[in-house]
């Protein structure tokens, strides 16, 4: 497991939370980065389930990001305690989704909605202009295969971007700009990662 920055002291945590509530995005990044050790601690109990630790770190980090964004210091709790629950909830949601993924479901099955309330289908993620590809995808309409490809063929960063971009594993959907801010890279880089990941999935489904 990689090493992580030391956690914030209570005084530091209070300072950066206040800065973030005032709109300081750098404070948000610090709150996330300095709590990554907490994510590593939470996932230890799930490593005997055959899950890739790097995948769990990515999924747990999404929970941590949600915790930082939604944390209310007025309730008197430490961010770490609240974030632990959010991280664990994200991992449990992922594990439940993996169980559901073992069932055959159409690629045209709705998996969520976008910000305008429109349904998002698995096929939408792999949508292409090529007329023969939808037929090939239809023949392989098994959600388990899609998730297996996501887990086995993509890099940790590609998986994280796709999961956040399309709300995979019942997660929250983010715009490319939001993802860029949250993981500290440019929006154009997020776009390149997203396109690369989708292209990899298309290639494997077309084989």
N, C-alpha and C. Protein backbone atom coordinates (compact mmCIF):
# COMPACT_ATOMS: atom_id res chain seq x y z
N UNK A 1 0.85 -1.19 0.00
CA UNK A 1 0.00 0.00 0.00
C UNK A 1 0.89 1.24 0.00
N UNK A 2 0.53 2.24 -0.82
CA UNK A 2 1.32 3.47 -0.90
C UNK A 2 1.26 4.22 0.43
N UNK A 3 2.24 5.12 0.63
CA UNK A 3 2.23 5.94 1.84
C UNK A 3 1.36 7.16 1.61
N UNK A 4 0.79 7.68 2.69
CA UNK A 4 -0.11 8.82 2.59
C UNK A 4 0.36 9.92 3.54
N UNK A 5 -0.07 11.16 3.27
CA UNK A 5 0.30 12.27 4.16
C UNK A 5 -0.26 12.04 5.56
N UNK A 6 0.40 12.64 6.55
CA UNK A 6 -0.08 12.54 7.92
C UNK A 6 -1.43 13.24 8.05
N UNK A 7 -2.30 12.75 8.92
CA UNK A 7 -3.60 13.39 9.10
C UNK A 7 -3.46 14.77 9.73
N UNK A 8 -4.50 15.59 9.57
CA UNK A 8 -4.51 16.92 10.14
C UNK A 8 -4.72 16.87 11.66
N UNK A 9 -4.15 17.80 12.35
CA UNK A 9 -4.47 17.94 13.77
C UNK A 9 -5.86 18.56 13.87
N UNK A 10 -6.52 18.46 15.03
CA UNK A 10 -7.84 19.08 15.18
C UNK A 10 -7.84 20.57 14.83
N UNK A 11 -6.78 21.26 15.22
CA UNK A 11 -6.70 22.70 14.92
C UNK A 11 -6.56 22.94 13.42
N UNK A 12 -5.72 22.12 12.76
CA UNK A 12 -5.54 22.27 11.31
C UNK A 12 -6.83 21.95 10.58
N UNK A 13 -7.49 20.88 11.03
CA UNK A 13 -8.75 20.49 10.39
C UNK A 13 -9.77 21.62 10.49
N UNK A 14 -9.91 22.20 11.66
CA UNK A 14 -10.85 23.30 11.86
C UNK A 14 -10.50 24.48 10.96
N UNK A 15 -9.21 24.77 10.82
CA UNK A 15 -8.76 25.89 9.99
C UNK A 15 -9.12 25.67 8.52
N UNK A 16 -8.80 24.48 7.99
CA UNK A 16 -9.04 24.22 6.57
C UNK A 16 -10.53 24.06 6.26
N UNK A 17 -11.30 23.55 7.19
CA UNK A 17 -12.75 23.47 6.99
C UNK A 17 -13.33 24.88 6.88
N UNK A 18 -12.86 25.77 7.75
CA UNK A 18 -13.33 27.15 7.70
C UNK A 18 -12.94 27.80 6.37
N UNK A 19 -11.70 27.55 5.93
CA UNK A 19 -11.25 28.12 4.66
C UNK A 19 -12.08 27.58 3.50
N UNK A 20 -12.41 26.30 3.55
CA UNK A 20 -13.21 25.70 2.47
C UNK A 20 -14.62 26.29 2.46
N UNK A 21 -15.22 26.48 3.63
CA UNK A 21 -16.56 27.07 3.69
C UNK A 21 -16.56 28.49 3.15
N UNK A 22 -15.39 29.12 3.14
CA UNK A 22 -15.26 30.46 2.59
C UNK A 22 -14.96 30.44 1.09
N UNK A 23 -14.91 29.24 0.52
CA UNK A 23 -14.71 29.12 -0.92
C UNK A 23 -13.31 28.80 -1.37
N UNK A 24 -12.42 28.47 -0.45
CA UNK A 24 -11.03 28.15 -0.79
C UNK A 24 -10.94 26.69 -1.25
N UNK A 25 -10.80 26.49 -2.57
CA UNK A 25 -10.76 25.13 -3.11
C UNK A 25 -9.46 24.42 -2.75
N UNK A 26 -8.39 25.17 -2.56
CA UNK A 26 -7.13 24.55 -2.16
C UNK A 26 -7.29 23.89 -0.79
N UNK A 27 -8.07 24.53 0.09
CA UNK A 27 -8.34 23.95 1.41
C UNK A 27 -9.09 22.63 1.26
N UNK A 28 -9.97 22.57 0.29
CA UNK A 28 -10.71 21.32 0.04
C UNK A 28 -9.74 20.21 -0.36
N UNK A 29 -8.81 20.53 -1.26
CA UNK A 29 -7.84 19.52 -1.70
C UNK A 29 -7.00 19.04 -0.52
N UNK A 30 -6.63 19.95 0.36
CA UNK A 30 -5.83 19.57 1.53
C UNK A 30 -6.62 18.65 2.45
N UNK A 31 -7.89 18.97 2.66
CA UNK A 31 -8.75 18.12 3.51
C UNK A 31 -8.85 16.72 2.95
N UNK A 32 -8.91 16.62 1.63
CA UNK A 32 -8.99 15.30 0.99
C UNK A 32 -7.65 14.56 1.11
N UNK A 33 -6.59 15.23 0.71
CA UNK A 33 -5.27 14.59 0.69
C UNK A 33 -4.83 14.13 2.08
N UNK A 34 -5.07 14.95 3.08
CA UNK A 34 -4.59 14.64 4.42
C UNK A 34 -5.48 13.62 5.13
N UNK A 35 -6.58 13.21 4.48
CA UNK A 35 -7.43 12.16 5.05
C UNK A 35 -7.36 10.85 4.25
N UNK A 36 -6.44 10.79 3.28
CA UNK A 36 -6.31 9.57 2.48
C UNK A 36 -5.85 8.39 3.33
N UNK A 37 -5.10 8.66 4.37
CA UNK A 37 -4.66 7.58 5.27
C UNK A 37 -5.88 6.90 5.90
N UNK A 38 -6.93 7.68 6.15
CA UNK A 38 -8.17 7.15 6.72
C UNK A 38 -8.81 6.16 5.73
N UNK A 39 -8.78 6.50 4.44
CA UNK A 39 -9.32 5.60 3.42
C UNK A 39 -8.58 4.26 3.46
N UNK A 40 -7.25 4.33 3.52
CA UNK A 40 -6.44 3.10 3.57
C UNK A 40 -6.78 2.27 4.80
N UNK A 41 -7.06 2.94 5.90
CA UNK A 41 -7.41 2.23 7.14
C UNK A 41 -8.76 1.52 7.00
N UNK A 42 -9.73 2.21 6.41
CA UNK A 42 -11.08 1.64 6.30
C UNK A 42 -11.09 0.42 5.38
N UNK A 43 -10.33 0.46 4.28
CA UNK A 43 -10.41 -0.63 3.31
C UNK A 43 -9.73 -1.91 3.79
N UNK A 44 -8.95 -1.85 4.86
CA UNK A 44 -8.24 -3.04 5.31
C UNK A 44 -9.18 -4.19 5.60
N UNK A 45 -10.36 -3.88 6.15
CA UNK A 45 -11.29 -4.95 6.52
C UNK A 45 -11.93 -5.63 5.31
N UNK A 46 -11.75 -5.04 4.12
CA UNK A 46 -12.38 -5.60 2.92
C UNK A 46 -11.37 -6.27 1.98
N UNK A 47 -10.09 -6.27 2.34
CA UNK A 47 -9.08 -6.80 1.44
C UNK A 47 -9.11 -8.32 1.31
N UNK A 48 -9.76 -8.99 2.24
CA UNK A 48 -9.84 -10.45 2.14
C UNK A 48 -11.01 -10.90 1.28
N UNK A 49 -11.67 -9.96 0.60
CA UNK A 49 -12.80 -10.29 -0.27
C UNK A 49 -12.37 -10.43 -1.72
N UNK A 50 -11.06 -10.37 -1.95
CA UNK A 50 -10.56 -10.53 -3.31
C UNK A 50 -10.58 -9.24 -4.12
N UNK A 51 -10.84 -8.11 -3.47
CA UNK A 51 -10.87 -6.84 -4.17
C UNK A 51 -9.46 -6.26 -4.30
N UNK A 52 -9.20 -5.59 -5.41
CA UNK A 52 -7.91 -4.95 -5.63
C UNK A 52 -7.80 -3.75 -4.68
N UNK A 53 -6.74 -3.68 -3.84
CA UNK A 53 -6.60 -2.55 -2.92
C UNK A 53 -6.62 -1.20 -3.61
N UNK A 54 -6.01 -1.11 -4.80
CA UNK A 54 -6.00 0.16 -5.53
C UNK A 54 -7.42 0.56 -5.94
N UNK A 55 -8.23 -0.43 -6.32
CA UNK A 55 -9.62 -0.14 -6.67
C UNK A 55 -10.38 0.35 -5.45
N UNK A 56 -10.15 -0.30 -4.31
CA UNK A 56 -10.84 0.11 -3.09
C UNK A 56 -10.41 1.51 -2.66
N UNK A 57 -9.12 1.82 -2.86
CA UNK A 57 -8.65 3.18 -2.56
C UNK A 57 -9.39 4.19 -3.42
N UNK A 58 -9.52 3.89 -4.72
CA UNK A 58 -10.22 4.81 -5.63
C UNK A 58 -11.67 5.00 -5.22
N UNK A 59 -12.33 3.89 -4.90
CA UNK A 59 -13.74 3.95 -4.51
C UNK A 59 -13.89 4.65 -3.17
N UNK A 60 -13.01 4.31 -2.22
CA UNK A 60 -13.05 4.97 -0.92
C UNK A 60 -12.78 6.45 -1.02
N UNK A 61 -11.92 6.85 -1.96
CA UNK A 61 -11.61 8.27 -2.14
C UNK A 61 -12.84 9.04 -2.60
N UNK A 62 -13.69 8.40 -3.41
CA UNK A 62 -14.94 9.05 -3.82
C UNK A 62 -15.79 9.33 -2.59
N UNK A 63 -15.85 8.35 -1.67
CA UNK A 63 -16.59 8.55 -0.43
C UNK A 63 -16.00 9.68 0.40
N UNK A 64 -14.67 9.76 0.41
CA UNK A 64 -13.99 10.82 1.16
C UNK A 64 -14.32 12.19 0.56
N UNK A 65 -14.31 12.28 -0.77
CA UNK A 65 -14.64 13.54 -1.43
C UNK A 65 -16.07 13.97 -1.07
N UNK A 66 -16.99 13.00 -1.10
CA UNK A 66 -18.38 13.32 -0.72
C UNK A 66 -18.44 13.81 0.72
N UNK A 67 -17.65 13.18 1.59
CA UNK A 67 -17.65 13.57 3.00
C UNK A 67 -17.18 15.01 3.18
N UNK A 68 -16.10 15.37 2.50
CA UNK A 68 -15.57 16.73 2.62
C UNK A 68 -16.59 17.75 2.10
N UNK A 69 -17.25 17.39 0.99
CA UNK A 69 -18.21 18.32 0.38
C UNK A 69 -19.45 18.51 1.25
N UNK A 70 -19.89 17.46 1.93
CA UNK A 70 -21.16 17.51 2.67
C UNK A 70 -20.98 17.68 4.18
N UNK A 71 -19.75 17.72 4.66
CA UNK A 71 -19.53 17.78 6.11
C UNK A 71 -20.07 19.07 6.72
N UNK A 72 -20.75 18.93 7.85
CA UNK A 72 -21.29 20.07 8.57
C UNK A 72 -20.61 20.18 9.93
N UNK A 73 -19.65 21.09 10.08
CA UNK A 73 -18.90 21.19 11.35
C UNK A 73 -19.77 21.64 12.52
N UNK A 74 -20.93 22.21 12.22
CA UNK A 74 -21.80 22.70 13.28
C UNK A 74 -22.40 21.57 14.13
N UNK A 75 -22.34 20.35 13.63
CA UNK A 75 -22.88 19.22 14.37
C UNK A 75 -21.93 18.71 15.45
N UNK A 76 -20.73 19.27 15.48
CA UNK A 76 -19.80 18.95 16.56
C UNK A 76 -18.97 17.70 16.37
N UNK A 77 -19.04 17.06 15.21
CA UNK A 77 -18.26 15.85 14.95
C UNK A 77 -16.95 16.20 14.26
N UNK A 78 -15.96 15.32 14.40
CA UNK A 78 -14.73 15.45 13.63
C UNK A 78 -14.98 14.97 12.21
N UNK A 79 -14.30 15.62 11.27
CA UNK A 79 -14.42 15.21 9.87
C UNK A 79 -14.04 13.75 9.70
N UNK A 80 -13.00 13.29 10.40
CA UNK A 80 -12.51 11.92 10.24
C UNK A 80 -13.60 10.91 10.57
N UNK A 81 -14.36 11.16 11.63
CA UNK A 81 -15.42 10.22 12.02
C UNK A 81 -16.51 10.18 10.96
N UNK A 82 -16.90 11.34 10.47
CA UNK A 82 -17.93 11.41 9.44
C UNK A 82 -17.43 10.79 8.13
N UNK A 83 -16.17 11.09 7.77
CA UNK A 83 -15.60 10.58 6.53
C UNK A 83 -15.48 9.05 6.56
N UNK A 84 -15.18 8.49 7.73
CA UNK A 84 -15.07 7.03 7.83
C UNK A 84 -16.37 6.36 7.42
N UNK A 85 -17.48 6.92 7.87
CA UNK A 85 -18.79 6.35 7.51
C UNK A 85 -19.05 6.50 6.02
N UNK A 86 -18.70 7.66 5.47
CA UNK A 86 -18.92 7.90 4.04
C UNK A 86 -18.08 6.95 3.18
N UNK A 87 -16.82 6.76 3.58
CA UNK A 87 -15.93 5.87 2.84
C UNK A 87 -16.47 4.44 2.89
N UNK A 88 -16.86 4.02 4.08
CA UNK A 88 -17.37 2.66 4.22
C UNK A 88 -18.67 2.47 3.43
N UNK A 89 -19.54 3.47 3.45
CA UNK A 89 -20.78 3.38 2.68
C UNK A 89 -20.50 3.25 1.19
N UNK A 90 -19.49 3.98 0.70
CA UNK A 90 -19.16 3.93 -0.72
C UNK A 90 -18.65 2.54 -1.10
N UNK A 91 -17.83 1.95 -0.22
CA UNK A 91 -17.29 0.62 -0.50
C UNK A 91 -18.40 -0.43 -0.44
N UNK A 92 -19.27 -0.32 0.55
CA UNK A 92 -20.38 -1.28 0.66
C UNK A 92 -21.31 -1.18 -0.55
N UNK A 93 -21.53 0.04 -1.03
CA UNK A 93 -22.36 0.24 -2.20
C UNK A 93 -21.71 -0.42 -3.42
N UNK A 94 -20.38 -0.29 -3.50
CA UNK A 94 -19.63 -0.93 -4.60
C UNK A 94 -19.76 -2.45 -4.53
N UNK A 95 -19.63 -3.02 -3.34
CA UNK A 95 -19.72 -4.47 -3.18
C UNK A 95 -21.11 -4.98 -3.51
N UNK A 96 -22.12 -4.22 -3.11
CA UNK A 96 -23.49 -4.61 -3.46
C UNK A 96 -23.70 -4.57 -4.97
N UNK A 97 -23.11 -3.55 -5.60
CA UNK A 97 -23.23 -3.43 -7.05
C UNK A 97 -22.54 -4.58 -7.76
N UNK A 98 -21.42 -5.04 -7.22
CA UNK A 98 -20.73 -6.18 -7.82
C UNK A 98 -21.59 -7.43 -7.77
N UNK A 99 -22.34 -7.58 -6.68
CA UNK A 99 -23.24 -8.74 -6.60
C UNK A 99 -24.35 -8.63 -7.64
N UNK A 100 -24.90 -7.41 -7.76
CA UNK A 100 -25.95 -7.21 -8.76
C UNK A 100 -25.42 -7.44 -10.17
N UNK A 101 -24.14 -7.10 -10.37
CA UNK A 101 -23.55 -7.21 -11.70
C UNK A 101 -23.41 -8.65 -12.16
N UNK A 102 -23.58 -9.60 -11.26
CA UNK A 102 -23.48 -11.00 -11.64
C UNK A 102 -24.72 -11.47 -12.40
N UNK A 103 -25.76 -10.64 -12.39
CA UNK A 103 -26.99 -10.98 -13.11
C UNK A 103 -26.94 -10.39 -14.51
N UNK A 104 -27.54 -11.06 -15.47
CA UNK A 104 -27.56 -10.56 -16.83
C UNK A 104 -28.62 -9.47 -16.95
N UNK A 105 -28.19 -8.28 -17.35
CA UNK A 105 -29.09 -7.15 -17.53
C UNK A 105 -28.73 -6.49 -18.86
N UNK A 106 -29.72 -6.02 -19.56
CA UNK A 106 -29.48 -5.38 -20.85
C UNK A 106 -28.61 -4.16 -20.72
N UNK A 107 -27.77 -3.93 -21.75
CA UNK A 107 -26.99 -2.71 -21.78
C UNK A 107 -27.88 -1.49 -21.93
N UNK A 108 -29.15 -1.71 -22.24
CA UNK A 108 -30.10 -0.61 -22.38
C UNK A 108 -30.87 -0.37 -21.09
N UNK A 109 -30.51 -1.11 -20.02
CA UNK A 109 -31.13 -0.92 -18.72
C UNK A 109 -30.68 0.41 -18.11
N UNK A 110 -31.60 1.26 -17.63
CA UNK A 110 -31.21 2.52 -17.02
C UNK A 110 -30.36 2.27 -15.77
N UNK A 111 -29.30 3.06 -15.61
CA UNK A 111 -28.44 2.91 -14.42
C UNK A 111 -28.38 4.20 -13.60
N UNK A 112 -29.15 5.21 -14.01
CA UNK A 112 -29.16 6.46 -13.26
C UNK A 112 -29.69 7.58 -14.12
N UNK A 113 -29.57 8.80 -13.64
CA UNK A 113 -30.03 9.97 -14.38
C UNK A 113 -28.94 11.03 -14.38
N UNK A 114 -28.97 11.89 -15.41
CA UNK A 114 -28.01 12.98 -15.45
C UNK A 114 -28.59 14.18 -14.70
N UNK A 115 -27.88 15.30 -14.76
CA UNK A 115 -28.28 16.48 -13.98
C UNK A 115 -29.62 17.04 -14.44
N UNK A 116 -30.01 16.75 -15.68
CA UNK A 116 -31.29 17.24 -16.18
C UNK A 116 -32.42 16.23 -15.96
N UNK A 117 -32.11 15.11 -15.31
CA UNK A 117 -33.13 14.11 -15.02
C UNK A 117 -33.32 13.09 -16.13
N UNK A 118 -32.49 13.13 -17.17
CA UNK A 118 -32.59 12.17 -18.26
C UNK A 118 -31.95 10.84 -17.86
N UNK A 119 -32.56 9.74 -18.30
CA UNK A 119 -32.03 8.42 -17.96
C UNK A 119 -30.69 8.18 -18.66
N UNK A 120 -29.76 7.58 -17.92
CA UNK A 120 -28.47 7.17 -18.47
C UNK A 120 -28.47 5.65 -18.57
N UNK A 121 -28.14 5.12 -19.75
CA UNK A 121 -28.05 3.67 -19.94
C UNK A 121 -26.59 3.26 -20.09
N UNK A 122 -26.32 2.01 -19.82
CA UNK A 122 -24.95 1.52 -20.01
C UNK A 122 -24.50 1.74 -21.45
N UNK A 123 -25.43 1.56 -22.39
CA UNK A 123 -25.08 1.74 -23.79
C UNK A 123 -24.64 3.18 -24.07
N UNK A 124 -25.23 4.14 -23.34
CA UNK A 124 -24.87 5.54 -23.56
C UNK A 124 -23.38 5.78 -23.33
N UNK A 125 -22.81 5.02 -22.39
CA UNK A 125 -21.39 5.19 -22.07
C UNK A 125 -20.52 4.77 -23.24
N UNK A 126 -21.00 3.78 -23.97
CA UNK A 126 -20.21 3.23 -25.07
C UNK A 126 -20.75 3.65 -26.43
N UNK A 127 -21.62 4.68 -26.46
CA UNK A 127 -22.28 5.08 -27.69
C UNK A 127 -21.26 5.47 -28.75
N UNK A 128 -21.51 5.10 -29.97
CA UNK A 128 -20.58 5.36 -31.07
C UNK A 128 -21.36 5.64 -32.34
N UNK A 129 -20.71 6.25 -33.32
CA UNK A 129 -21.36 6.54 -34.59
C UNK A 129 -21.35 5.35 -35.54
N UNK A 130 -20.55 4.33 -35.24
CA UNK A 130 -20.44 3.18 -36.13
C UNK A 130 -21.73 2.36 -36.07
N UNK A 131 -22.33 2.10 -37.24
CA UNK A 131 -23.64 1.46 -37.26
C UNK A 131 -23.61 0.01 -36.83
N UNK A 132 -22.48 -0.70 -37.01
CA UNK A 132 -22.45 -2.12 -36.67
C UNK A 132 -22.13 -2.37 -35.21
N UNK A 133 -21.56 -1.41 -34.52
CA UNK A 133 -21.15 -1.63 -33.14
C UNK A 133 -22.34 -1.87 -32.21
N UNK A 134 -23.48 -1.12 -32.33
CA UNK A 134 -24.61 -1.42 -31.44
C UNK A 134 -25.06 -2.87 -31.51
N UNK A 135 -25.02 -3.46 -32.71
CA UNK A 135 -25.41 -4.87 -32.84
C UNK A 135 -24.44 -5.78 -32.08
N UNK A 136 -23.16 -5.46 -32.19
CA UNK A 136 -22.16 -6.26 -31.48
C UNK A 136 -22.34 -6.11 -29.97
N UNK A 137 -22.62 -4.89 -29.54
CA UNK A 137 -22.83 -4.67 -28.11
C UNK A 137 -24.08 -5.39 -27.63
N UNK A 138 -25.13 -5.38 -28.46
CA UNK A 138 -26.37 -6.02 -28.07
C UNK A 138 -26.17 -7.51 -27.84
N UNK A 139 -25.29 -8.13 -28.63
CA UNK A 139 -25.02 -9.56 -28.48
C UNK A 139 -24.27 -9.85 -27.19
N UNK A 140 -23.65 -8.83 -26.63
CA UNK A 140 -22.87 -9.02 -25.41
C UNK A 140 -23.52 -8.32 -24.22
N UNK A 141 -24.87 -8.25 -24.25
CA UNK A 141 -25.56 -7.44 -23.24
C UNK A 141 -25.55 -8.11 -21.87
N UNK A 142 -24.40 -8.10 -21.29
CA UNK A 142 -24.24 -8.65 -19.94
C UNK A 142 -23.49 -7.61 -19.11
N UNK A 143 -24.17 -7.06 -18.15
CA UNK A 143 -23.57 -5.99 -17.36
C UNK A 143 -22.31 -6.45 -16.64
N UNK A 144 -22.25 -7.73 -16.31
CA UNK A 144 -21.08 -8.24 -15.60
C UNK A 144 -19.84 -8.09 -16.47
N UNK A 145 -19.98 -8.35 -17.76
CA UNK A 145 -18.84 -8.24 -18.65
C UNK A 145 -18.33 -6.79 -18.72
N UNK A 146 -19.28 -5.86 -18.75
CA UNK A 146 -18.87 -4.47 -18.80
C UNK A 146 -18.05 -4.09 -17.58
N UNK A 147 -18.57 -4.45 -16.40
CA UNK A 147 -17.86 -4.10 -15.18
C UNK A 147 -16.54 -4.86 -15.06
N UNK A 148 -16.49 -6.08 -15.57
CA UNK A 148 -15.23 -6.83 -15.56
C UNK A 148 -14.19 -6.10 -16.40
N UNK A 149 -14.62 -5.57 -17.54
CA UNK A 149 -13.69 -4.84 -18.39
C UNK A 149 -13.23 -3.55 -17.72
N UNK A 150 -14.17 -2.87 -17.06
CA UNK A 150 -13.81 -1.66 -16.33
C UNK A 150 -12.75 -1.98 -15.28
N UNK A 151 -12.95 -3.09 -14.55
CA UNK A 151 -12.04 -3.44 -13.46
C UNK A 151 -10.71 -3.97 -13.96
N UNK A 152 -10.73 -4.74 -15.06
CA UNK A 152 -9.53 -5.47 -15.48
C UNK A 152 -8.71 -4.77 -16.57
N UNK A 153 -9.35 -3.92 -17.36
CA UNK A 153 -8.65 -3.35 -18.51
C UNK A 153 -8.25 -1.89 -18.33
N UNK A 154 -8.83 -1.22 -17.37
CA UNK A 154 -8.53 0.20 -17.20
C UNK A 154 -7.55 0.44 -16.06
N UNK A 155 -6.81 1.53 -16.16
CA UNK A 155 -5.90 1.92 -15.09
C UNK A 155 -6.72 2.47 -13.92
N UNK A 156 -6.14 2.52 -12.72
CA UNK A 156 -6.87 3.08 -11.57
C UNK A 156 -7.43 4.47 -11.85
N UNK A 157 -6.66 5.32 -12.54
CA UNK A 157 -7.14 6.68 -12.81
C UNK A 157 -8.27 6.66 -13.82
N UNK A 158 -8.20 5.78 -14.84
CA UNK A 158 -9.28 5.68 -15.82
C UNK A 158 -10.56 5.19 -15.14
N UNK A 159 -10.42 4.21 -14.26
CA UNK A 159 -11.58 3.70 -13.53
C UNK A 159 -12.21 4.79 -12.68
N UNK A 160 -11.37 5.54 -11.98
CA UNK A 160 -11.88 6.60 -11.11
C UNK A 160 -12.63 7.65 -11.92
N UNK A 161 -12.07 8.06 -13.06
CA UNK A 161 -12.72 9.08 -13.89
C UNK A 161 -14.05 8.58 -14.43
N UNK A 162 -14.10 7.34 -14.93
CA UNK A 162 -15.36 6.83 -15.46
C UNK A 162 -16.41 6.66 -14.36
N UNK A 163 -15.97 6.17 -13.20
CA UNK A 163 -16.92 5.99 -12.10
C UNK A 163 -17.52 7.32 -11.67
N UNK A 164 -16.69 8.35 -11.61
CA UNK A 164 -17.19 9.66 -11.21
C UNK A 164 -17.99 10.32 -12.34
N UNK A 165 -17.55 10.13 -13.57
CA UNK A 165 -18.18 10.81 -14.72
C UNK A 165 -19.59 10.28 -14.98
N UNK A 166 -19.75 8.95 -14.86
CA UNK A 166 -21.03 8.34 -15.22
C UNK A 166 -21.78 7.75 -14.03
N UNK A 167 -21.28 7.96 -12.82
CA UNK A 167 -21.99 7.47 -11.65
C UNK A 167 -22.04 5.96 -11.56
N UNK A 168 -20.99 5.27 -12.08
CA UNK A 168 -20.97 3.82 -12.02
C UNK A 168 -20.98 3.35 -10.57
N UNK A 169 -21.45 2.13 -10.37
CA UNK A 169 -21.57 1.55 -9.02
C UNK A 169 -22.49 2.40 -8.13
N UNK A 170 -23.51 2.97 -8.77
CA UNK A 170 -24.51 3.77 -8.05
C UNK A 170 -23.91 5.01 -7.39
N UNK A 171 -22.78 5.47 -7.92
CA UNK A 171 -22.15 6.66 -7.36
C UNK A 171 -22.73 7.93 -7.93
N UNK A 172 -22.26 9.05 -7.43
CA UNK A 172 -22.71 10.36 -7.90
C UNK A 172 -22.00 10.73 -9.19
N UNK A 173 -22.71 11.42 -10.09
CA UNK A 173 -22.13 11.85 -11.36
C UNK A 173 -21.52 13.24 -11.23
N UNK A 174 -20.39 13.43 -11.90
CA UNK A 174 -19.71 14.72 -11.86
C UNK A 174 -19.39 15.17 -13.28
N UNK A 175 -19.32 16.47 -13.49
CA UNK A 175 -18.87 16.99 -14.77
C UNK A 175 -17.36 16.85 -14.86
N UNK A 176 -16.82 16.98 -16.08
CA UNK A 176 -15.38 16.90 -16.25
C UNK A 176 -14.68 17.98 -15.43
N UNK A 177 -15.26 19.16 -15.37
CA UNK A 177 -14.65 20.26 -14.61
C UNK A 177 -14.63 19.95 -13.11
N UNK A 178 -15.70 19.36 -12.61
CA UNK A 178 -15.76 18.99 -11.19
C UNK A 178 -14.74 17.91 -10.86
N UNK A 179 -14.62 16.92 -11.76
CA UNK A 179 -13.64 15.86 -11.54
C UNK A 179 -12.23 16.45 -11.53
N UNK A 180 -11.97 17.35 -12.47
CA UNK A 180 -10.65 17.98 -12.56
C UNK A 180 -10.29 18.68 -11.25
N UNK A 181 -11.26 19.41 -10.70
CA UNK A 181 -10.99 20.12 -9.43
C UNK A 181 -10.75 19.14 -8.30
N UNK A 182 -11.52 18.06 -8.26
CA UNK A 182 -11.46 17.16 -7.12
C UNK A 182 -10.22 16.28 -7.11
N UNK A 183 -9.70 15.93 -8.28
CA UNK A 183 -8.51 15.07 -8.26
C UNK A 183 -7.25 15.82 -8.69
N UNK A 184 -7.39 17.15 -8.89
CA UNK A 184 -6.22 18.00 -9.08
C UNK A 184 -5.54 17.93 -10.43
N UNK A 185 -6.32 17.74 -11.50
CA UNK A 185 -5.76 17.76 -12.85
C UNK A 185 -6.61 18.69 -13.72
N UNK A 186 -6.16 18.94 -14.95
CA UNK A 186 -6.90 19.86 -15.82
C UNK A 186 -8.14 19.18 -16.40
N UNK A 187 -9.12 20.00 -16.80
CA UNK A 187 -10.34 19.44 -17.40
C UNK A 187 -10.02 18.72 -18.70
N UNK A 188 -9.09 19.28 -19.51
CA UNK A 188 -8.73 18.65 -20.77
C UNK A 188 -8.08 17.28 -20.53
N UNK A 189 -7.32 17.16 -19.42
CA UNK A 189 -6.71 15.87 -19.10
C UNK A 189 -7.78 14.87 -18.70
N UNK A 190 -8.79 15.32 -17.94
CA UNK A 190 -9.91 14.45 -17.60
C UNK A 190 -10.59 13.95 -18.87
N UNK A 191 -10.78 14.85 -19.84
CA UNK A 191 -11.42 14.49 -21.10
C UNK A 191 -10.61 13.43 -21.84
N UNK A 192 -9.28 13.60 -21.86
CA UNK A 192 -8.43 12.62 -22.55
C UNK A 192 -8.50 11.25 -21.85
N UNK A 193 -8.49 11.27 -20.51
CA UNK A 193 -8.57 10.01 -19.76
C UNK A 193 -9.90 9.32 -20.05
N UNK A 194 -10.98 10.11 -20.05
CA UNK A 194 -12.32 9.55 -20.30
C UNK A 194 -12.39 8.92 -21.70
N UNK A 195 -11.91 9.64 -22.70
CA UNK A 195 -11.95 9.13 -24.07
C UNK A 195 -11.10 7.87 -24.21
N UNK A 196 -9.93 7.86 -23.59
CA UNK A 196 -9.06 6.69 -23.65
C UNK A 196 -9.72 5.48 -23.02
N UNK A 197 -10.36 5.69 -21.87
CA UNK A 197 -11.01 4.57 -21.17
C UNK A 197 -12.16 4.01 -22.00
N UNK A 198 -12.99 4.89 -22.56
CA UNK A 198 -14.13 4.43 -23.36
C UNK A 198 -13.65 3.70 -24.60
N UNK A 199 -12.57 4.20 -25.20
CA UNK A 199 -12.03 3.53 -26.40
C UNK A 199 -11.55 2.13 -26.06
N UNK A 200 -10.91 1.97 -24.90
CA UNK A 200 -10.47 0.64 -24.48
C UNK A 200 -11.66 -0.30 -24.32
N UNK A 201 -12.75 0.20 -23.73
CA UNK A 201 -13.94 -0.63 -23.54
C UNK A 201 -14.54 -1.01 -24.88
N UNK A 202 -14.60 -0.05 -25.80
CA UNK A 202 -15.14 -0.36 -27.13
C UNK A 202 -14.33 -1.45 -27.81
N UNK A 203 -13.00 -1.32 -27.74
CA UNK A 203 -12.14 -2.30 -28.42
C UNK A 203 -12.39 -3.70 -27.88
N UNK A 204 -12.55 -3.83 -26.57
CA UNK A 204 -12.78 -5.15 -25.98
C UNK A 204 -14.16 -5.70 -26.31
N UNK A 205 -15.15 -4.83 -26.44
CA UNK A 205 -16.48 -5.31 -26.79
C UNK A 205 -16.58 -5.65 -28.27
N UNK A 206 -15.69 -5.09 -29.07
CA UNK A 206 -15.72 -5.37 -30.51
C UNK A 206 -14.91 -6.60 -30.88
N UNK A 207 -14.11 -7.12 -29.92
CA UNK A 207 -13.27 -8.28 -30.22
C UNK A 207 -14.13 -9.51 -30.50
